[in-house]
């Protein structure tokens, strides 16, 4: 009985954006409406949120590539570098 009340409470909060005015805007959104919902919440254009999201993915990939190359080049012993010939 108590579990049912808790589940209903969670469903109600989830359907109202967890009382934070966060929701997915499926009318203006392309992939699930998450960026459009965030744009509505922060009162900015949708393309701004999409640009920051895309930029975040690109910069994350570039940073991880640079870090990987730095570890391979500077973090390896000289014996290993001679064998691999970097």
PDB file of N, CA and C in Angstrom:
ATOM      1  N   UNK A   1       0.816  -1.180   0.000  1.00  0.00           N
ATOM      2  CA  UNK A   1       0.000   0.000   0.000  1.00  0.00           C
ATOM      3  C   UNK A   1       0.869   1.257   0.000  1.00  0.00           C
ATOM      4  N   UNK A   2       1.894   1.274   0.837  1.00  0.00           N
ATOM      5  CA  UNK A   2       2.780   2.432   0.908  1.00  0.00           C
ATOM      6  C   UNK A   2       3.586   2.567  -0.382  1.00  0.00           C
ATOM      7  N   UNK A   3       3.965   1.423  -0.967  1.00  0.00           N
ATOM      8  CA  UNK A   3       4.735   1.460  -2.209  1.00  0.00           C
ATOM      9  C   UNK A   3       3.912   2.072  -3.339  1.00  0.00           C
ATOM     10  N   UNK A   4       2.625   1.801  -3.365  1.00  0.00           N
ATOM     11  CA  UNK A   4       1.755   2.367  -4.394  1.00  0.00           C
ATOM     12  C   UNK A   4       1.667   3.883  -4.273  1.00  0.00           C
ATOM     13  N   UNK A   5       1.594   4.380  -3.042  1.00  0.00           N
ATOM     14  CA  UNK A   5       1.544   5.831  -2.834  1.00  0.00           C
ATOM     15  C   UNK A   5       2.848   6.493  -3.282  1.00  0.00           C
ATOM     16  N   UNK A   6       3.955   5.846  -2.993  1.00  0.00           N
ATOM     17  CA  UNK A   6       5.245   6.390  -3.390  1.00  0.00           C
ATOM     18  C   UNK A   6       5.369   6.409  -4.907  1.00  0.00           C
ATOM     19  N   UNK A   7       4.933   5.322  -5.548  1.00  0.00           N
ATOM     20  CA  UNK A   7       4.990   5.263  -7.008  1.00  0.00           C
ATOM     21  C   UNK A   7       4.114   6.335  -7.645  1.00  0.00           C
ATOM     22  N   UNK A   8       2.936   6.551  -7.096  1.00  0.00           N
ATOM     23  CA  UNK A   8       2.050   7.592  -7.624  1.00  0.00           C
ATOM     24  C   UNK A   8       2.655   8.979  -7.432  1.00  0.00           C
ATOM     25  N   UNK A   9       3.293   9.191  -6.296  1.00  0.00           N
ATOM     26  CA  UNK A   9       3.930  10.476  -6.028  1.00  0.00           C
ATOM     27  C   UNK A   9       5.066  10.727  -7.015  1.00  0.00           C
ATOM     28  N   UNK A  10       5.839   9.711  -7.276  1.00  0.00           N
ATOM     29  CA  UNK A  10       6.942   9.849  -8.231  1.00  0.00           C
ATOM     30  C   UNK A  10       6.405  10.105  -9.625  1.00  0.00           C
ATOM     31  N   UNK A  11       5.366   9.397 -10.035  1.00  0.00           N
ATOM     32  CA  UNK A  11       4.771   9.619 -11.358  1.00  0.00           C
ATOM     33  C   UNK A  11       4.226  11.031 -11.499  1.00  0.00           C
ATOM     34  N   UNK A  12       3.588  11.539 -10.446  1.00  0.00           N
ATOM     35  CA  UNK A  12       3.030  12.888 -10.501  1.00  0.00           C
ATOM     36  C   UNK A  12       4.140  13.933 -10.615  1.00  0.00           C
ATOM     37  N   UNK A  13       5.200  13.774  -9.837  1.00  0.00           N
ATOM     38  CA  UNK A  13       6.309  14.722  -9.910  1.00  0.00           C
ATOM     39  C   UNK A  13       7.014  14.652 -11.260  1.00  0.00           C
ATOM     40  N   UNK A  14       7.170  13.440 -11.770  1.00  0.00           N
ATOM     41  CA  UNK A  14       7.838  13.272 -13.053  1.00  0.00           C
ATOM     42  C   UNK A  14       7.035  13.906 -14.182  1.00  0.00           C
ATOM     43  N   UNK A  15       5.730  13.774 -14.151  1.00  0.00           N
ATOM     44  CA  UNK A  15       4.899  14.327 -15.219  1.00  0.00           C
ATOM     45  C   UNK A  15       4.855  15.846 -15.175  1.00  0.00           C
ATOM     46  N   UNK A  16       5.180  16.446 -14.033  1.00  0.00           N
ATOM     47  CA  UNK A  16       5.197  17.907 -13.908  1.00  0.00           C
ATOM     48  C   UNK A  16       6.619  18.455 -13.881  1.00  0.00           C
ATOM     49  N   UNK A  17       7.574  17.713 -14.391  1.00  0.00           N
ATOM     50  CA  UNK A  17       8.948  18.205 -14.502  1.00  0.00           C
ATOM     51  C   UNK A  17       9.679  18.277 -13.193  1.00  0.00           C
ATOM     52  N   UNK A  18       9.360  17.414 -12.252  1.00  0.00           N
ATOM     53  CA  UNK A  18      10.008  17.353 -10.944  1.00  0.00           C
ATOM     54  C   UNK A  18       9.912  18.689 -10.215  1.00  0.00           C
ATOM     55  N   UNK A  19       8.862  19.429 -10.446  1.00  0.00           N
ATOM     56  CA  UNK A  19       8.620  20.730  -9.824  1.00  0.00           C
ATOM     57  C   UNK A  19       9.731  21.742 -10.138  1.00  0.00           C
ATOM     58  N   UNK A  20      10.434  21.561 -11.242  1.00  0.00           N
ATOM     59  CA  UNK A  20      11.492  22.474 -11.656  1.00  0.00           C
ATOM     60  C   UNK A  20      11.191  23.117 -13.007  1.00  0.00           C
ATOM     61  N   UNK A  21      10.001  22.895 -13.533  1.00  0.00           N
ATOM     62  CA  UNK A  21       9.605  23.398 -14.843  1.00  0.00           C
ATOM     63  C   UNK A  21      10.497  22.824 -15.941  1.00  0.00           C
ATOM     64  N   UNK A  22      10.960  21.612 -15.776  1.00  0.00           N
ATOM     65  CA  UNK A  22      11.743  20.928 -16.796  1.00  0.00           C
ATOM     66  C   UNK A  22      10.858  19.881 -17.464  1.00  0.00           C
ATOM     67  N   UNK A  23      10.808  19.940 -18.764  1.00  0.00           N
ATOM     68  CA  UNK A  23      10.021  18.983 -19.522  1.00  0.00           C
ATOM     69  C   UNK A  23      10.591  18.898 -20.925  1.00  0.00           C
ATOM     70  N   UNK A  24      10.190  17.864 -21.655  1.00  0.00           N
ATOM     71  CA  UNK A  24      10.600  17.715 -23.048  1.00  0.00           C
ATOM     72  C   UNK A  24       9.543  18.354 -23.933  1.00  0.00           C
ATOM     73  N   UNK A  25       9.974  19.185 -24.838  1.00  0.00           N
ATOM     74  CA  UNK A  25       9.069  19.846 -25.773  1.00  0.00           C
ATOM     75  C   UNK A  25       9.119  19.080 -27.086  1.00  0.00           C
ATOM     76  N   UNK A  26       8.187  18.172 -27.269  1.00  0.00           N
ATOM     77  CA  UNK A  26       8.204  17.304 -28.440  1.00  0.00           C
ATOM     78  C   UNK A  26       7.722  18.016 -29.705  1.00  0.00           C
ATOM     79  N   UNK A  27       7.039  19.152 -29.565  1.00  0.00           N
ATOM     80  CA  UNK A  27       6.574  19.873 -30.753  1.00  0.00           C
ATOM     81  C   UNK A  27       7.735  20.580 -31.459  1.00  0.00           C
ATOM     82  N   UNK A  28       8.642  21.189 -30.690  1.00  0.00           N
ATOM     83  CA  UNK A  28       9.757  21.930 -31.277  1.00  0.00           C
ATOM     84  C   UNK A  28      11.037  21.101 -31.350  1.00  0.00           C
ATOM     85  N   UNK A  29      11.032  19.920 -30.783  1.00  0.00           N
ATOM     86  CA  UNK A  29      12.252  19.134 -30.706  1.00  0.00           C
ATOM     87  C   UNK A  29      12.427  18.166 -31.857  1.00  0.00           C
ATOM     88  N   UNK A  30      13.686  17.807 -32.100  1.00  0.00           N
ATOM     89  CA  UNK A  30      14.001  16.837 -33.137  1.00  0.00           C
ATOM     90  C   UNK A  30      14.189  15.438 -32.550  1.00  0.00           C
ATOM     91  N   UNK A  31      15.052  15.324 -31.563  1.00  0.00           N
ATOM     92  CA  UNK A  31      15.363  14.026 -30.967  1.00  0.00           C
ATOM     93  C   UNK A  31      14.864  13.984 -29.532  1.00  0.00           C
ATOM     94  N   UNK A  32      13.601  13.805 -29.356  1.00  0.00           N
ATOM     95  CA  UNK A  32      13.028  13.688 -28.033  1.00  0.00           C
ATOM     96  C   UNK A  32      12.641  15.009 -27.388  1.00  0.00           C
ATOM     97  N   UNK A  33      13.072  16.121 -27.918  1.00  0.00           N
ATOM     98  CA  UNK A  33      12.677  17.424 -27.408  1.00  0.00           C
ATOM     99  C   UNK A  33      13.399  17.892 -26.165  1.00  0.00           C
ATOM    100  N   UNK A  34      14.540  17.287 -25.842  1.00  0.00           N
ATOM    101  CA  UNK A  34      15.259  17.665 -24.627  1.00  0.00           C
ATOM    102  C   UNK A  34      15.856  19.062 -24.765  1.00  0.00           C
ATOM    103  N   UNK A  35      16.537  19.330 -25.872  1.00  0.00           N
ATOM    104  CA  UNK A  35      17.131  20.665 -26.075  1.00  0.00           C
ATOM    105  C   UNK A  35      16.046  21.737 -26.158  1.00  0.00           C
ATOM    106  N   UNK A  36      14.929  21.427 -26.789  1.00  0.00           N
ATOM    107  CA  UNK A  36      13.830  22.393 -26.884  1.00  0.00           C
ATOM    108  C   UNK A  36      13.234  22.662 -25.507  1.00  0.00           C
ATOM    109  N   UNK A  37      13.121  21.647 -24.679  1.00  0.00           N
ATOM    110  CA  UNK A  37      12.618  21.840 -23.321  1.00  0.00           C
ATOM    111  C   UNK A  37      13.561  22.682 -22.472  1.00  0.00           C
ATOM    112  N   UNK A  38      14.872  22.442 -22.605  1.00  0.00           N
ATOM    113  CA  UNK A  38      15.845  23.257 -21.875  1.00  0.00           C
ATOM    114  C   UNK A  38      15.823  24.702 -22.374  1.00  0.00           C
ATOM    115  N   UNK A  39      15.639  24.881 -23.680  1.00  0.00           N
ATOM    116  CA  UNK A  39      15.554  26.236 -24.233  1.00  0.00           C
ATOM    117  C   UNK A  39      14.332  26.968 -23.691  1.00  0.00           C
ATOM    118  N   UNK A  40      13.223  26.277 -23.564  1.00  0.00           N
ATOM    119  CA  UNK A  40      12.032  26.887 -22.972  1.00  0.00           C
ATOM    120  C   UNK A  40      12.266  27.249 -21.508  1.00  0.00           C
ATOM    121  N   UNK A  41      12.957  26.382 -20.789  1.00  0.00           N
ATOM    122  CA  UNK A  41      13.206  26.613 -19.368  1.00  0.00           C
ATOM    123  C   UNK A  41      14.093  27.842 -19.151  1.00  0.00           C
ATOM    124  N   UNK A  42      15.152  27.984 -19.955  1.00  0.00           N
ATOM    125  CA  UNK A  42      16.082  29.093 -19.800  1.00  0.00           C
ATOM    126  C   UNK A  42      15.708  30.298 -20.652  1.00  0.00           C
ATOM    127  N   UNK A  43      14.614  30.205 -21.391  1.00  0.00           N
ATOM    128  CA  UNK A  43      14.084  31.295 -22.209  1.00  0.00           C
ATOM    129  C   UNK A  43      15.107  31.785 -23.242  1.00  0.00           C
ATOM    130  N   UNK A  44      15.676  30.834 -23.978  1.00  0.00           N
ATOM    131  CA  UNK A  44      16.578  31.140 -25.085  1.00  0.00           C
ATOM    132  C   UNK A  44      16.081  30.399 -26.318  1.00  0.00           C
ATOM    133  N   UNK A  45      16.653  30.738 -27.469  1.00  0.00           N
ATOM    134  CA  UNK A  45      16.290  30.023 -28.690  1.00  0.00           C
ATOM    135  C   UNK A  45      16.801  28.589 -28.632  1.00  0.00           C
ATOM    136  N   UNK A  46      16.108  27.723 -29.343  1.00  0.00           N
ATOM    137  CA  UNK A  46      16.464  26.302 -29.327  1.00  0.00           C
ATOM    138  C   UNK A  46      17.843  26.074 -29.945  1.00  0.00           C
ATOM    139  N   UNK A  47      18.186  26.838 -30.975  1.00  0.00           N
ATOM    140  CA  UNK A  47      19.470  26.617 -31.650  1.00  0.00           C
ATOM    141  C   UNK A  47      20.642  26.898 -30.714  1.00  0.00           C
ATOM    142  N   UNK A  48      20.471  27.770 -29.722  1.00  0.00           N
ATOM    143  CA  UNK A  48      21.554  28.073 -28.785  1.00  0.00           C
ATOM    144  C   UNK A  48      21.867  26.843 -27.931  1.00  0.00           C
ATOM    145  N   UNK A  49      20.837  26.204 -27.431  1.00  0.00           N
ATOM    146  CA  UNK A  49      21.045  25.001 -26.610  1.00  0.00           C
ATOM    147  C   UNK A  49      21.639  23.886 -27.457  1.00  0.00           C
ATOM    148  N   UNK A  50      21.164  23.744 -28.690  1.00  0.00           N
ATOM    149  CA  UNK A  50      21.708  22.711 -29.578  1.00  0.00           C
ATOM    150  C   UNK A  50      23.172  22.987 -29.896  1.00  0.00           C
ATOM    151  N   UNK A  51      23.529  24.260 -30.087  1.00  0.00           N
ATOM    152  CA  UNK A  51      24.912  24.623 -30.370  1.00  0.00           C
ATOM    153  C   UNK A  51      25.819  24.279 -29.190  1.00  0.00           C
ATOM    154  N   UNK A  52      25.385  24.608 -27.972  1.00  0.00           N
ATOM    155  CA  UNK A  52      26.180  24.270 -26.788  1.00  0.00           C
ATOM    156  C   UNK A  52      26.287  22.760 -26.601  1.00  0.00           C
ATOM    157  N   UNK A  53      25.231  22.040 -26.883  1.00  0.00           N
ATOM    158  CA  UNK A  53      25.268  20.579 -26.757  1.00  0.00           C
ATOM    159  C   UNK A  53      26.245  19.984 -27.757  1.00  0.00           C
ATOM    160  N   UNK A  54      26.143  20.414 -29.011  1.00  0.00           N
ATOM    161  CA  UNK A  54      27.050  19.918 -30.045  1.00  0.00           C
ATOM    162  C   UNK A  54      28.493  20.304 -29.733  1.00  0.00           C
ATOM    163  N   UNK A  55      28.702  21.552 -29.320  1.00  0.00           N
ATOM    164  CA  UNK A  55      30.043  21.999 -28.958  1.00  0.00           C
ATOM    165  C   UNK A  55      30.621  21.219 -27.793  1.00  0.00           C
ATOM    166  N   UNK A  56      29.777  20.860 -26.846  1.00  0.00           N
ATOM    167  CA  UNK A  56      30.242  20.052 -25.716  1.00  0.00           C
ATOM    168  C   UNK A  56      30.704  18.677 -26.145  1.00  0.00           C
ATOM    169  N   UNK A  57      29.965  18.055 -27.053  1.00  0.00           N
ATOM    170  CA  UNK A  57      30.380  16.740 -27.552  1.00  0.00           C
ATOM    171  C   UNK A  57      31.690  16.825 -28.335  1.00  0.00           C
ATOM    172  N   UNK A  58      31.825  17.861 -29.172  1.00  0.00           N
ATOM    173  CA  UNK A  58      33.040  18.012 -29.969  1.00  0.00           C
ATOM    174  C   UNK A  58      34.240  18.303 -29.078  1.00  0.00           C
ATOM    175  N   UNK A  59      34.103  19.228 -28.135  1.00  0.00           N
ATOM    176  CA  UNK A  59      35.239  19.569 -27.277  1.00  0.00           C
ATOM    177  C   UNK A  59      35.629  18.396 -26.381  1.00  0.00           C
ATOM    178  N   UNK A  60      34.661  17.625 -25.973  1.00  0.00           N
ATOM    179  CA  UNK A  60      34.982  16.446 -25.154  1.00  0.00           C
ATOM    180  C   UNK A  60      35.818  15.457 -25.949  1.00  0.00           C
ATOM    181  N   UNK A  61      35.455  15.263 -27.200  1.00  0.00           N
ATOM    182  CA  UNK A  61      36.197  14.335 -28.051  1.00  0.00           C
ATOM    183  C   UNK A  61      37.606  14.858 -28.315  1.00  0.00           C
ATOM    184  N   UNK A  62      37.743  16.147 -28.594  1.00  0.00           N
ATOM    185  CA  UNK A  62      39.061  16.727 -28.853  1.00  0.00           C
ATOM    186  C   UNK A  62      39.953  16.642 -27.623  1.00  0.00           C
ATOM    187  N   UNK A  63      39.390  16.922 -26.452  1.00  0.00           N
ATOM    188  CA  UNK A  63      40.183  16.857 -25.213  1.00  0.00           C
ATOM    189  C   UNK A  63      40.653  15.438 -24.924  1.00  0.00           C
ATOM    190  N   UNK A  64      39.771  14.477 -25.129  1.00  0.00           N
ATOM    191  CA  UNK A  64      40.173  13.092 -24.862  1.00  0.00           C
ATOM    192  C   UNK A  64      41.207  12.616 -25.874  1.00  0.00           C
ATOM    193  N   UNK A  65      41.110  13.059 -27.134  1.00  0.00           N
ATOM    194  CA  UNK A  65      42.127  12.700 -28.129  1.00  0.00           C
ATOM    195  C   UNK A  65      43.484  13.302 -27.766  1.00  0.00           C
ATOM    196  N   UNK A  66      43.491  14.574 -27.390  1.00  0.00           N
ATOM    197  CA  UNK A  66      44.753  15.229 -27.014  1.00  0.00           C
ATOM    198  C   UNK A  66      45.353  14.580 -25.779  1.00  0.00           C
ATOM    199  N   UNK A  67      44.539  14.253 -24.810  1.00  0.00           N
ATOM    200  CA  UNK A  67      45.032  13.608 -23.601  1.00  0.00           C
ATOM    201  C   UNK A  67      45.622  12.240 -23.913  1.00  0.00           C
ATOM    202  N   UNK A  68      44.959  11.472 -24.772  1.00  0.00           N
ATOM    203  CA  UNK A  68      45.451  10.156 -25.163  1.00  0.00           C
ATOM    204  C   UNK A  68      46.815  10.284 -25.851  1.00  0.00           C
ATOM    205  N   UNK A  69      46.926  11.234 -26.777  1.00  0.00           N
ATOM    206  CA  UNK A  69      48.190  11.406 -27.489  1.00  0.00           C
ATOM    207  C   UNK A  69      49.304  11.872 -26.550  1.00  0.00           C
ATOM    208  N   UNK A  70      48.973  12.717 -25.604  1.00  0.00           N
ATOM    209  CA  UNK A  70      49.979  13.179 -24.651  1.00  0.00           C
ATOM    210  C   UNK A  70      50.477  12.033 -23.777  1.00  0.00           C
ATOM    211  N   UNK A  71      49.577  11.172 -23.368  1.00  0.00           N
ATOM    212  CA  UNK A  71      49.974  10.033 -22.539  1.00  0.00           C
ATOM    213  C   UNK A  71      50.839   9.074 -23.348  1.00  0.00           C
ATOM    214  N   UNK A  72      50.480   8.839 -24.591  1.00  0.00           N
ATOM    215  CA  UNK A  72      51.254   7.917 -25.424  1.00  0.00           C
ATOM    216  C   UNK A  72      52.639   8.485 -25.706  1.00  0.00           C
ATOM    217  N   UNK A  73      52.727   9.759 -26.046  1.00  0.00           N
ATOM    218  CA  UNK A  73      54.010  10.338 -26.433  1.00  0.00           C
ATOM    219  C   UNK A  73      54.889  10.627 -25.223  1.00  0.00           C
ATOM    220  N   UNK A  74      54.350  11.276 -24.190  1.00  0.00           N
ATOM    221  CA  UNK A  74      55.167  11.717 -23.066  1.00  0.00           C
ATOM    222  C   UNK A  74      55.163  10.754 -21.882  1.00  0.00           C
ATOM    223  N   UNK A  75      54.202   9.885 -21.825  1.00  0.00           N
ATOM    224  CA  UNK A  75      54.095   9.029 -20.660  1.00  0.00           C
ATOM    225  C   UNK A  75      54.749   7.667 -20.824  1.00  0.00           C
ATOM    226  N   UNK A  76      55.276   7.377 -21.998  1.00  0.00           N
ATOM    227  CA  UNK A  76      55.868   6.061 -22.239  1.00  0.00           C
ATOM    228  C   UNK A  76      57.362   6.093 -21.965  1.00  0.00           C
ATOM    229  N   UNK A  77      57.882   4.952 -21.601  1.00  0.00           N
ATOM    230  CA  UNK A  77      59.324   4.862 -21.387  1.00  0.00           C
ATOM    231  C   UNK A  77      60.031   4.871 -22.738  1.00  0.00           C
ATOM    232  N   UNK A  78      61.320   5.183 -22.719  1.00  0.00           N
ATOM    233  CA  UNK A  78      62.068   5.265 -23.977  1.00  0.00           C
ATOM    234  C   UNK A  78      62.223   3.904 -24.626  1.00  0.00           C
ATOM    235  N   UNK A  79      62.322   2.844 -23.826  1.00  0.00           N
ATOM    236  CA  UNK A  79      62.433   1.502 -24.401  1.00  0.00           C
ATOM    237  C   UNK A  79      61.182   1.148 -25.187  1.00  0.00           C
ATOM    238  N   UNK A  80      60.049   1.483 -24.623  1.00  0.00           N
ATOM    239  CA  UNK A  80      58.796   1.172 -25.316  1.00  0.00           C
ATOM    240  C   UNK A  80      58.675   1.994 -26.594  1.00  0.00           C
ATOM    241  N   UNK A  81      59.092   3.280 -26.554  1.00  0.00           N
ATOM    242  CA  UNK A  81      59.023   4.126 -27.740  1.00  0.00           C
ATOM    243  C   UNK A  81      59.949   3.617 -28.839  1.00  0.00           C
ATOM    244  N   UNK A  82      61.092   3.093 -28.472  1.00  0.00           N
ATOM    245  CA  UNK A  82      62.019   2.549 -29.469  1.00  0.00           C
ATOM    246  C   UNK A  82      61.417   1.319 -30.141  1.00  0.00           C
ATOM    247  N   UNK A  83      60.715   0.503 -29.394  1.00  0.00           N
ATOM    248  CA  UNK A  83      60.090  -0.678 -29.987  1.00  0.00           C
ATOM    249  C   UNK A  83      58.943  -0.315 -30.905  1.00  0.00           C
ATOM    250  N   UNK A  84      58.157   0.668 -30.505  1.00  0.00           N
ATOM    251  CA  UNK A  84      56.980   1.044 -31.276  1.00  0.00           C
ATOM    252  C   UNK A  84      57.341   2.030 -32.383  1.00  0.00           C
ATOM    253  N   UNK A  85      58.372   2.807 -32.202  1.00  0.00           N
ATOM    254  CA  UNK A  85      58.848   3.817 -33.156  1.00  0.00           C
ATOM    255  C   UNK A  85      57.817   4.895 -33.391  1.00  0.00           C
ATOM    256  N   UNK A  86      57.499   5.616 -32.324  1.00  0.00           N
ATOM    257  CA  UNK A  86      56.542   6.728 -32.439  1.00  0.00           C
ATOM    258  C   UNK A  86      57.268   7.930 -32.966  1.00  0.00           C
TER     259      UNK A  86
END
